[in-house]
Amino acid sequence: MEKALYINGVYEGVLNEIIESQKGNPGKIFYLQPYSQSAIKQLKENPPEQNSPLPLYISTTSQLNQICYFAEIVGWEDKNELSEERLAILNEHIKLFQPKEGEIYFEVRGKRCVNLVSIRNLRKLKDQVSTSNLIKQSNREPLKPRTQSGGWSYVYMIPIN
């Protein structure tokens, strides 16, 4: 079974801004910055590439138990390891295509943020799917209902429309 990543509780405004920017820039890479001090281990150890993307299921802060969006992960970077040149390029990209994000941030509410997830082809699902349909790779059990935003799980792919 093919693996995928599920990210829990992304702000819908961030996702909608990416979708709007994609309209004039199909195939362009955009960035998600999960609030976490912990690296997404499997992405760090084996980052996906543009020619072999990793499927991504996303719930929103207002619909934690529904897969509302789908995208392809095409890269991962540790924010703490970005060169000044790379940071300048990323910040310029954010200002142009994701202006509500402002820039690459390194701290939220006093916590360091390390993950910079590169995605493409983000889309909102017409028919949302319950996150309980996702089976975790770690123990082959369905995801349990979420009560707060944050976190991620490696799961097995499921068909979505």
N, C-alpha and C. Protein backbone atom coordinates (compact mmCIF):
# COMPACT_ATOMS: atom_id res chain seq x y z
N MET A 1 0.83 -1.18 0.00
CA MET A 1 0.00 0.00 0.00
C MET A 1 0.88 1.25 0.00
N GLU A 2 0.47 2.23 -0.76
CA GLU A 2 1.24 3.46 -0.86
C GLU A 2 0.99 4.35 0.35
N LYS A 3 2.05 5.01 0.81
CA LYS A 3 1.90 5.87 1.98
C LYS A 3 1.56 7.30 1.58
N ALA A 4 1.03 8.02 2.56
CA ALA A 4 0.69 9.43 2.40
C ALA A 4 0.91 10.08 3.76
N LEU A 5 0.80 11.40 3.80
CA LEU A 5 0.90 12.13 5.05
C LEU A 5 -0.41 12.85 5.30
N TYR A 6 -0.84 12.85 6.54
CA TYR A 6 -2.01 13.61 6.97
C TYR A 6 -1.53 14.70 7.91
N ILE A 7 -1.91 15.96 7.63
CA ILE A 7 -1.61 17.08 8.53
C ILE A 7 -2.94 17.57 9.09
N ASN A 8 -2.97 17.70 10.40
CA ASN A 8 -4.18 18.03 11.14
C ASN A 8 -4.30 19.52 11.44
N GLY A 9 -5.39 20.13 11.00
CA GLY A 9 -5.74 21.47 11.45
C GLY A 9 -4.96 22.62 10.87
N VAL A 10 -4.92 22.72 9.56
CA VAL A 10 -4.28 23.86 8.89
C VAL A 10 -5.32 24.98 8.76
N TYR A 11 -4.87 26.22 8.91
CA TYR A 11 -5.79 27.35 8.74
C TYR A 11 -6.29 27.40 7.31
N GLU A 12 -7.61 27.46 7.16
CA GLU A 12 -8.21 27.44 5.83
C GLU A 12 -7.80 28.65 5.01
N GLY A 13 -7.56 29.79 5.66
CA GLY A 13 -7.12 30.98 4.93
C GLY A 13 -5.80 30.76 4.20
N VAL A 14 -4.89 30.02 4.82
CA VAL A 14 -3.61 29.70 4.18
C VAL A 14 -3.85 28.86 2.93
N LEU A 15 -4.72 27.87 3.06
CA LEU A 15 -4.99 26.97 1.94
C LEU A 15 -5.72 27.70 0.81
N ASN A 16 -6.69 28.53 1.15
CA ASN A 16 -7.42 29.27 0.12
C ASN A 16 -6.52 30.24 -0.63
N GLU A 17 -5.59 30.86 0.09
CA GLU A 17 -4.65 31.77 -0.58
C GLU A 17 -3.79 31.02 -1.59
N ILE A 18 -3.35 29.83 -1.23
CA ILE A 18 -2.56 29.02 -2.16
C ILE A 18 -3.40 28.65 -3.38
N ILE A 19 -4.63 28.24 -3.17
CA ILE A 19 -5.50 27.86 -4.29
C ILE A 19 -5.70 29.05 -5.24
N GLU A 20 -5.91 30.23 -4.68
CA GLU A 20 -6.07 31.43 -5.52
C GLU A 20 -4.79 31.71 -6.32
N SER A 21 -3.64 31.60 -5.68
CA SER A 21 -2.37 31.84 -6.36
C SER A 21 -2.08 30.80 -7.44
N GLN A 22 -2.54 29.57 -7.20
CA GLN A 22 -2.33 28.51 -8.19
C GLN A 22 -3.04 28.79 -9.50
N LYS A 23 -4.17 29.50 -9.43
CA LYS A 23 -4.97 29.74 -10.64
C LYS A 23 -4.14 30.39 -11.73
N GLY A 24 -3.29 31.33 -11.37
CA GLY A 24 -2.45 31.98 -12.36
C GLY A 24 -1.08 31.36 -12.48
N ASN A 25 -0.81 30.34 -11.68
CA ASN A 25 0.52 29.73 -11.63
C ASN A 25 0.42 28.22 -11.47
N PRO A 26 -0.21 27.54 -12.45
CA PRO A 26 -0.38 26.09 -12.29
C PRO A 26 0.97 25.36 -12.16
N GLY A 27 1.00 24.38 -11.27
CA GLY A 27 2.20 23.58 -11.07
C GLY A 27 3.24 24.24 -10.18
N LYS A 28 3.01 25.47 -9.76
CA LYS A 28 3.97 26.19 -8.91
C LYS A 28 4.02 25.54 -7.53
N ILE A 29 5.17 25.66 -6.90
CA ILE A 29 5.35 25.13 -5.55
C ILE A 29 4.96 26.21 -4.54
N PHE A 30 4.27 25.78 -3.49
CA PHE A 30 3.87 26.65 -2.39
C PHE A 30 4.35 26.01 -1.09
N TYR A 31 4.19 26.74 0.02
CA TYR A 31 4.79 26.28 1.27
C TYR A 31 3.80 26.26 2.42
N LEU A 32 3.88 25.19 3.20
CA LEU A 32 3.16 25.08 4.47
C LEU A 32 4.20 25.09 5.58
N GLN A 33 3.84 25.75 6.70
CA GLN A 33 4.75 25.88 7.83
C GLN A 33 4.06 25.38 9.11
N PRO A 34 3.98 24.07 9.28
CA PRO A 34 3.31 23.55 10.48
C PRO A 34 3.95 24.10 11.76
N TYR A 35 3.09 24.39 12.74
CA TYR A 35 3.58 24.86 14.04
C TYR A 35 4.08 23.66 14.83
N SER A 36 5.35 23.40 14.78
CA SER A 36 5.89 22.29 15.55
C SER A 36 7.39 22.45 15.74
N GLN A 37 7.84 22.08 16.92
CA GLN A 37 9.27 22.07 17.21
C GLN A 37 9.92 20.78 16.72
N SER A 38 9.11 19.79 16.40
CA SER A 38 9.61 18.48 15.97
C SER A 38 9.59 18.37 14.46
N ALA A 39 10.66 17.85 13.92
CA ALA A 39 10.71 17.61 12.48
C ALA A 39 9.77 16.46 12.13
N ILE A 40 9.19 16.55 10.96
CA ILE A 40 8.41 15.43 10.43
C ILE A 40 9.45 14.40 9.97
N LYS A 41 9.67 13.43 10.82
CA LYS A 41 10.83 12.53 10.72
C LYS A 41 11.00 11.89 9.34
N GLN A 42 9.94 11.27 8.83
CA GLN A 42 10.09 10.58 7.55
C GLN A 42 10.33 11.55 6.40
N LEU A 43 9.77 12.76 6.47
CA LEU A 43 10.06 13.75 5.44
C LEU A 43 11.51 14.18 5.52
N LYS A 44 12.01 14.34 6.74
CA LYS A 44 13.41 14.73 6.91
C LYS A 44 14.35 13.65 6.40
N GLU A 45 14.04 12.41 6.73
CA GLU A 45 14.92 11.30 6.35
C GLU A 45 14.84 10.97 4.87
N ASN A 46 13.68 11.18 4.27
CA ASN A 46 13.50 10.82 2.86
C ASN A 46 12.57 11.85 2.20
N PRO A 47 13.07 13.08 1.97
CA PRO A 47 12.18 14.11 1.42
C PRO A 47 11.69 13.74 0.02
N PRO A 48 10.40 13.95 -0.24
CA PRO A 48 9.88 13.68 -1.57
C PRO A 48 10.48 14.67 -2.57
N GLU A 49 10.39 14.32 -3.82
CA GLU A 49 10.89 15.19 -4.88
C GLU A 49 9.78 15.44 -5.88
N GLN A 50 10.00 16.39 -6.77
CA GLN A 50 8.97 16.74 -7.74
C GLN A 50 8.58 15.57 -8.62
N ASN A 51 9.53 14.70 -8.94
CA ASN A 51 9.20 13.56 -9.81
C ASN A 51 8.66 12.36 -9.04
N SER A 52 8.64 12.44 -7.72
CA SER A 52 8.03 11.38 -6.90
C SER A 52 7.39 12.00 -5.66
N PRO A 53 6.28 12.70 -5.85
CA PRO A 53 5.63 13.40 -4.73
C PRO A 53 4.96 12.44 -3.75
N LEU A 54 4.75 12.94 -2.54
CA LEU A 54 4.05 12.20 -1.49
C LEU A 54 2.65 12.80 -1.35
N PRO A 55 1.59 11.99 -1.44
CA PRO A 55 0.24 12.51 -1.26
C PRO A 55 0.06 13.11 0.14
N LEU A 56 -0.72 14.19 0.21
CA LEU A 56 -0.97 14.89 1.46
C LEU A 56 -2.46 15.11 1.65
N TYR A 57 -2.98 14.64 2.78
CA TYR A 57 -4.36 14.89 3.19
C TYR A 57 -4.32 15.97 4.27
N ILE A 58 -5.27 16.91 4.20
CA ILE A 58 -5.26 18.03 5.12
C ILE A 58 -6.65 18.25 5.71
N SER A 59 -6.70 18.39 7.04
CA SER A 59 -7.92 18.87 7.68
C SER A 59 -7.69 20.34 8.06
N THR A 60 -8.76 21.03 8.36
CA THR A 60 -8.64 22.44 8.72
C THR A 60 -8.92 22.63 10.21
N THR A 61 -8.59 23.81 10.70
CA THR A 61 -8.82 24.10 12.12
C THR A 61 -10.29 24.04 12.48
N SER A 62 -11.17 24.30 11.51
CA SER A 62 -12.61 24.26 11.80
C SER A 62 -13.24 22.91 11.51
N GLN A 63 -12.51 22.03 10.83
CA GLN A 63 -13.03 20.69 10.52
C GLN A 63 -11.91 19.67 10.75
N LEU A 64 -11.60 19.45 12.00
CA LEU A 64 -10.46 18.60 12.35
C LEU A 64 -10.64 17.15 11.93
N ASN A 65 -11.86 16.68 11.85
CA ASN A 65 -12.11 15.27 11.58
C ASN A 65 -12.56 15.00 10.15
N GLN A 66 -12.28 15.95 9.27
CA GLN A 66 -12.61 15.78 7.86
C GLN A 66 -11.38 16.09 7.01
N ILE A 67 -11.12 15.25 6.02
CA ILE A 67 -10.09 15.58 5.03
C ILE A 67 -10.76 16.56 4.08
N CYS A 68 -10.29 17.79 4.09
CA CYS A 68 -10.91 18.85 3.31
C CYS A 68 -10.09 19.22 2.08
N TYR A 69 -8.79 18.95 2.12
CA TYR A 69 -7.88 19.33 1.02
C TYR A 69 -6.93 18.18 0.72
N PHE A 70 -6.41 18.22 -0.49
CA PHE A 70 -5.44 17.23 -0.94
C PHE A 70 -4.35 17.97 -1.73
N ALA A 71 -3.11 17.55 -1.59
CA ALA A 71 -2.00 18.14 -2.32
C ALA A 71 -0.92 17.09 -2.51
N GLU A 72 0.13 17.49 -3.19
CA GLU A 72 1.32 16.64 -3.35
C GLU A 72 2.48 17.33 -2.65
N ILE A 73 3.17 16.59 -1.80
CA ILE A 73 4.39 17.11 -1.17
C ILE A 73 5.54 16.83 -2.12
N VAL A 74 6.29 17.89 -2.44
CA VAL A 74 7.41 17.74 -3.37
C VAL A 74 8.74 18.15 -2.75
N GLY A 75 8.72 18.40 -1.45
CA GLY A 75 9.98 18.73 -0.77
C GLY A 75 9.76 19.04 0.69
N TRP A 76 10.84 19.02 1.44
CA TRP A 76 10.84 19.36 2.86
C TRP A 76 12.18 19.99 3.19
N GLU A 77 12.15 21.01 4.05
CA GLU A 77 13.38 21.64 4.51
C GLU A 77 13.26 21.93 6.00
N ASP A 78 14.39 21.89 6.67
CA ASP A 78 14.48 22.28 8.07
C ASP A 78 14.76 23.78 8.07
N LYS A 79 13.85 24.55 8.64
CA LYS A 79 14.01 26.01 8.64
C LYS A 79 15.31 26.44 9.31
N ASN A 80 15.75 25.69 10.31
CA ASN A 80 16.97 26.05 11.03
C ASN A 80 18.22 25.87 10.20
N GLU A 81 18.10 25.18 9.07
CA GLU A 81 19.27 24.93 8.23
C GLU A 81 19.25 25.72 6.93
N LEU A 82 18.31 26.67 6.79
CA LEU A 82 18.23 27.47 5.58
C LEU A 82 19.39 28.46 5.51
N SER A 83 20.03 28.56 4.35
CA SER A 83 21.06 29.58 4.17
C SER A 83 20.38 30.94 4.04
N GLU A 84 21.13 32.01 4.22
CA GLU A 84 20.58 33.35 4.06
C GLU A 84 20.05 33.54 2.64
N GLU A 85 20.75 33.00 1.66
CA GLU A 85 20.32 33.11 0.27
C GLU A 85 19.00 32.38 0.04
N ARG A 86 18.90 31.17 0.55
CA ARG A 86 17.66 30.39 0.39
C ARG A 86 16.50 31.08 1.11
N LEU A 87 16.74 31.60 2.30
CA LEU A 87 15.71 32.29 3.05
C LEU A 87 15.21 33.52 2.28
N ALA A 88 16.12 34.25 1.67
CA ALA A 88 15.73 35.43 0.88
C ALA A 88 14.85 35.02 -0.31
N ILE A 89 15.20 33.93 -0.97
CA ILE A 89 14.40 33.43 -2.11
C ILE A 89 13.02 33.01 -1.63
N LEU A 90 12.96 32.28 -0.53
CA LEU A 90 11.68 31.82 0.01
C LEU A 90 10.81 33.00 0.44
N ASN A 91 11.39 33.98 1.11
CA ASN A 91 10.62 35.13 1.55
C ASN A 91 10.08 35.93 0.38
N GLU A 92 10.85 36.05 -0.68
CA GLU A 92 10.37 36.74 -1.88
C GLU A 92 9.18 35.98 -2.48
N HIS A 93 9.31 34.67 -2.53
CA HIS A 93 8.22 33.82 -3.04
C HIS A 93 6.95 34.01 -2.19
N ILE A 94 7.11 33.96 -0.88
CA ILE A 94 5.97 34.11 0.03
C ILE A 94 5.31 35.47 -0.19
N LYS A 95 6.10 36.53 -0.31
CA LYS A 95 5.54 37.88 -0.51
C LYS A 95 4.75 37.96 -1.81
N LEU A 96 5.21 37.27 -2.84
CA LEU A 96 4.53 37.31 -4.14
C LEU A 96 3.29 36.42 -4.19
N PHE A 97 3.39 35.21 -3.66
CA PHE A 97 2.36 34.21 -3.88
C PHE A 97 1.53 33.83 -2.65
N GLN A 98 2.05 34.10 -1.46
CA GLN A 98 1.34 33.80 -0.22
C GLN A 98 1.48 34.98 0.74
N PRO A 99 1.08 36.17 0.32
CA PRO A 99 1.38 37.38 1.10
C PRO A 99 0.79 37.38 2.51
N LYS A 100 -0.30 36.69 2.74
CA LYS A 100 -0.87 36.66 4.09
C LYS A 100 0.03 35.89 5.07
N GLU A 101 0.89 35.03 4.55
CA GLU A 101 1.85 34.32 5.40
C GLU A 101 2.94 35.27 5.87
N GLY A 102 3.18 36.33 5.13
CA GLY A 102 4.19 37.32 5.50
C GLY A 102 5.59 36.92 5.09
N GLU A 103 6.10 35.89 5.74
CA GLU A 103 7.45 35.41 5.45
C GLU A 103 7.64 34.05 6.12
N ILE A 104 8.81 33.49 5.94
CA ILE A 104 9.15 32.26 6.65
C ILE A 104 9.32 32.64 8.12
N TYR A 105 8.59 31.98 9.00
CA TYR A 105 8.69 32.28 10.42
C TYR A 105 9.38 31.12 11.14
N PHE A 106 10.05 31.48 12.21
CA PHE A 106 10.85 30.50 12.95
C PHE A 106 10.29 30.22 14.33
N GLU A 107 9.30 31.01 14.76
CA GLU A 107 8.75 30.84 16.09
C GLU A 107 7.29 31.27 16.10
N VAL A 108 6.47 30.51 16.80
CA VAL A 108 5.07 30.85 17.00
C VAL A 108 4.75 30.59 18.46
N ARG A 109 4.20 31.58 19.11
CA ARG A 109 3.82 31.47 20.52
C ARG A 109 4.95 30.90 21.40
N GLY A 110 6.16 31.38 21.12
CA GLY A 110 7.31 30.98 21.92
C GLY A 110 7.90 29.62 21.58
N LYS A 111 7.38 28.97 20.54
CA LYS A 111 7.89 27.66 20.14
C LYS A 111 8.57 27.76 18.77
N ARG A 112 9.74 27.14 18.67
CA ARG A 112 10.46 27.10 17.40
C ARG A 112 9.66 26.26 16.39
N CYS A 113 9.72 26.63 15.14
CA CYS A 113 9.06 25.89 14.06
C CYS A 113 10.15 25.42 13.10
N VAL A 114 10.18 24.13 12.81
CA VAL A 114 11.28 23.60 12.00
C VAL A 114 10.87 23.16 10.60
N ASN A 115 9.61 22.78 10.39
CA ASN A 115 9.21 22.17 9.13
C ASN A 115 8.79 23.20 8.08
N LEU A 116 9.35 23.08 6.90
CA LEU A 116 8.91 23.83 5.74
C LEU A 116 8.56 22.79 4.67
N VAL A 117 7.27 22.65 4.40
CA VAL A 117 6.78 21.61 3.51
C VAL A 117 6.42 22.24 2.16
N SER A 118 7.06 21.75 1.10
CA SER A 118 6.80 22.24 -0.26
C SER A 118 5.69 21.41 -0.88
N ILE A 119 4.64 22.10 -1.35
CA ILE A 119 3.51 21.38 -1.95
C ILE A 119 3.18 21.96 -3.33
N ARG A 120 2.45 21.18 -4.09
CA ARG A 120 1.90 21.67 -5.35
C ARG A 120 0.54 21.00 -5.56
N ASN A 121 -0.21 21.56 -6.50
CA ASN A 121 -1.51 21.00 -6.89
C ASN A 121 -2.48 20.82 -5.73
N LEU A 122 -2.55 21.82 -4.88
CA LEU A 122 -3.50 21.80 -3.76
C LEU A 122 -4.91 21.95 -4.32
N ARG A 123 -5.82 21.17 -3.77
CA ARG A 123 -7.22 21.32 -4.17
C ARG A 123 -8.12 21.05 -2.99
N LYS A 124 -9.25 21.75 -3.00
CA LYS A 124 -10.27 21.53 -1.99
C LYS A 124 -11.15 20.39 -2.47
N LEU A 125 -11.45 19.47 -1.59
CA LEU A 125 -12.27 18.33 -1.97
C LEU A 125 -13.74 18.72 -2.03
N LYS A 126 -14.41 18.28 -3.08
CA LYS A 126 -15.85 18.52 -3.20
C LYS A 126 -16.60 17.74 -2.13
N ASP A 127 -16.20 16.50 -1.95
CA ASP A 127 -16.79 15.64 -0.93
C ASP A 127 -15.74 15.33 0.11
N GLN A 128 -15.91 15.89 1.29
CA GLN A 128 -14.95 15.64 2.35
C GLN A 128 -15.04 14.20 2.82
N VAL A 129 -13.93 13.74 3.35
CA VAL A 129 -13.83 12.35 3.80
C VAL A 129 -13.46 12.36 5.28
N SER A 130 -14.09 11.52 6.06
CA SER A 130 -13.77 11.44 7.48
C SER A 130 -12.33 10.96 7.67
N THR A 131 -11.64 11.60 8.61
CA THR A 131 -10.27 11.17 8.89
C THR A 131 -10.22 9.76 9.46
N SER A 132 -11.33 9.25 9.96
CA SER A 132 -11.35 7.88 10.48
C SER A 132 -11.18 6.85 9.36
N ASN A 133 -11.29 7.29 8.10
CA ASN A 133 -11.02 6.40 6.96
C ASN A 133 -9.52 6.21 6.73
N LEU A 134 -8.71 7.05 7.36
CA LEU A 134 -7.27 6.94 7.20
C LEU A 134 -6.72 5.90 8.18
N ILE A 135 -5.85 5.05 7.68
CA ILE A 135 -5.22 4.01 8.48
C ILE A 135 -3.76 4.39 8.71
N LYS A 136 -3.38 4.50 9.99
CA LYS A 136 -2.01 4.87 10.33
C LYS A 136 -1.05 3.75 9.95
N GLN A 137 0.09 4.15 9.42
CA GLN A 137 1.12 3.17 9.08
C GLN A 137 1.75 2.56 10.33
N SER A 138 1.83 3.34 11.39
CA SER A 138 2.54 2.88 12.58
C SER A 138 1.90 1.66 13.23
N ASN A 139 0.57 1.61 13.24
CA ASN A 139 -0.09 0.50 13.93
C ASN A 139 -1.26 -0.11 13.15
N ARG A 140 -1.46 0.37 11.94
CA ARG A 140 -2.53 -0.11 11.05
C ARG A 140 -3.92 0.05 11.65
N GLU A 141 -4.09 1.07 12.48
CA GLU A 141 -5.40 1.37 13.06
C GLU A 141 -5.92 2.68 12.48
N PRO A 142 -7.25 2.86 12.45
CA PRO A 142 -7.81 4.12 11.95
C PRO A 142 -7.39 5.29 12.84
N LEU A 143 -7.29 6.46 12.23
CA LEU A 143 -7.02 7.67 13.02
C LEU A 143 -8.16 7.90 14.00
N LYS A 144 -7.82 8.32 15.18
CA LYS A 144 -8.83 8.64 16.18
C LYS A 144 -9.31 10.07 15.95
N PRO A 145 -10.52 10.41 16.41
CA PRO A 145 -11.02 11.78 16.27
C PRO A 145 -10.05 12.78 16.90
N ARG A 146 -9.93 13.92 16.24
CA ARG A 146 -9.03 14.98 16.70
C ARG A 146 -9.81 16.01 17.50
N THR A 147 -9.20 16.52 18.55
CA THR A 147 -9.86 17.53 19.36
C THR A 147 -9.15 18.87 19.29
N GLN A 148 -7.93 18.88 18.75
CA GLN A 148 -7.21 20.13 18.58
C GLN A 148 -6.31 20.07 17.36
N SER A 149 -5.97 21.24 16.86
CA SER A 149 -5.10 21.34 15.68
C SER A 149 -3.68 20.93 16.02
N GLY A 150 -2.97 20.55 14.99
CA GLY A 150 -1.55 20.25 15.13
C GLY A 150 -1.29 18.77 14.98
N GLY A 151 -0.11 18.49 14.55
CA GLY A 151 0.32 17.11 14.41
C GLY A 151 0.12 16.57 13.01
N TRP A 152 0.63 15.38 12.82
CA TRP A 152 0.57 14.71 11.53
C TRP A 152 0.70 13.22 11.77
N SER A 153 0.32 12.48 10.76
CA SER A 153 0.44 11.02 10.81
C SER A 153 0.75 10.50 9.42
N TYR A 154 1.59 9.50 9.38
CA TYR A 154 1.77 8.79 8.13
C TYR A 154 0.65 7.77 8.03
N VAL A 155 0.01 7.75 6.89
CA VAL A 155 -1.17 6.92 6.66
C VAL A 155 -1.02 6.21 5.33
N TYR A 156 -1.92 5.28 5.08
CA TYR A 156 -1.99 4.64 3.78
C TYR A 156 -2.94 5.44 2.89
N MET A 157 -2.62 5.51 1.62
CA MET A 157 -3.46 6.26 0.68
C MET A 157 -4.85 5.67 0.60
N ILE A 158 -5.82 6.54 0.42
CA ILE A 158 -7.19 6.13 0.15
C ILE A 158 -7.67 6.88 -1.08
N PRO A 159 -8.63 6.36 -1.82
CA PRO A 159 -9.14 7.10 -2.97
C PRO A 159 -9.97 8.28 -2.53
N ILE A 160 -9.76 9.40 -3.18
CA ILE A 160 -10.57 10.60 -2.94
C ILE A 160 -10.90 11.21 -4.28
N ASN A 161 -11.96 12.04 -4.30
CA ASN A 161 -12.32 12.67 -5.58
C ASN A 161 -12.14 14.16 -5.52
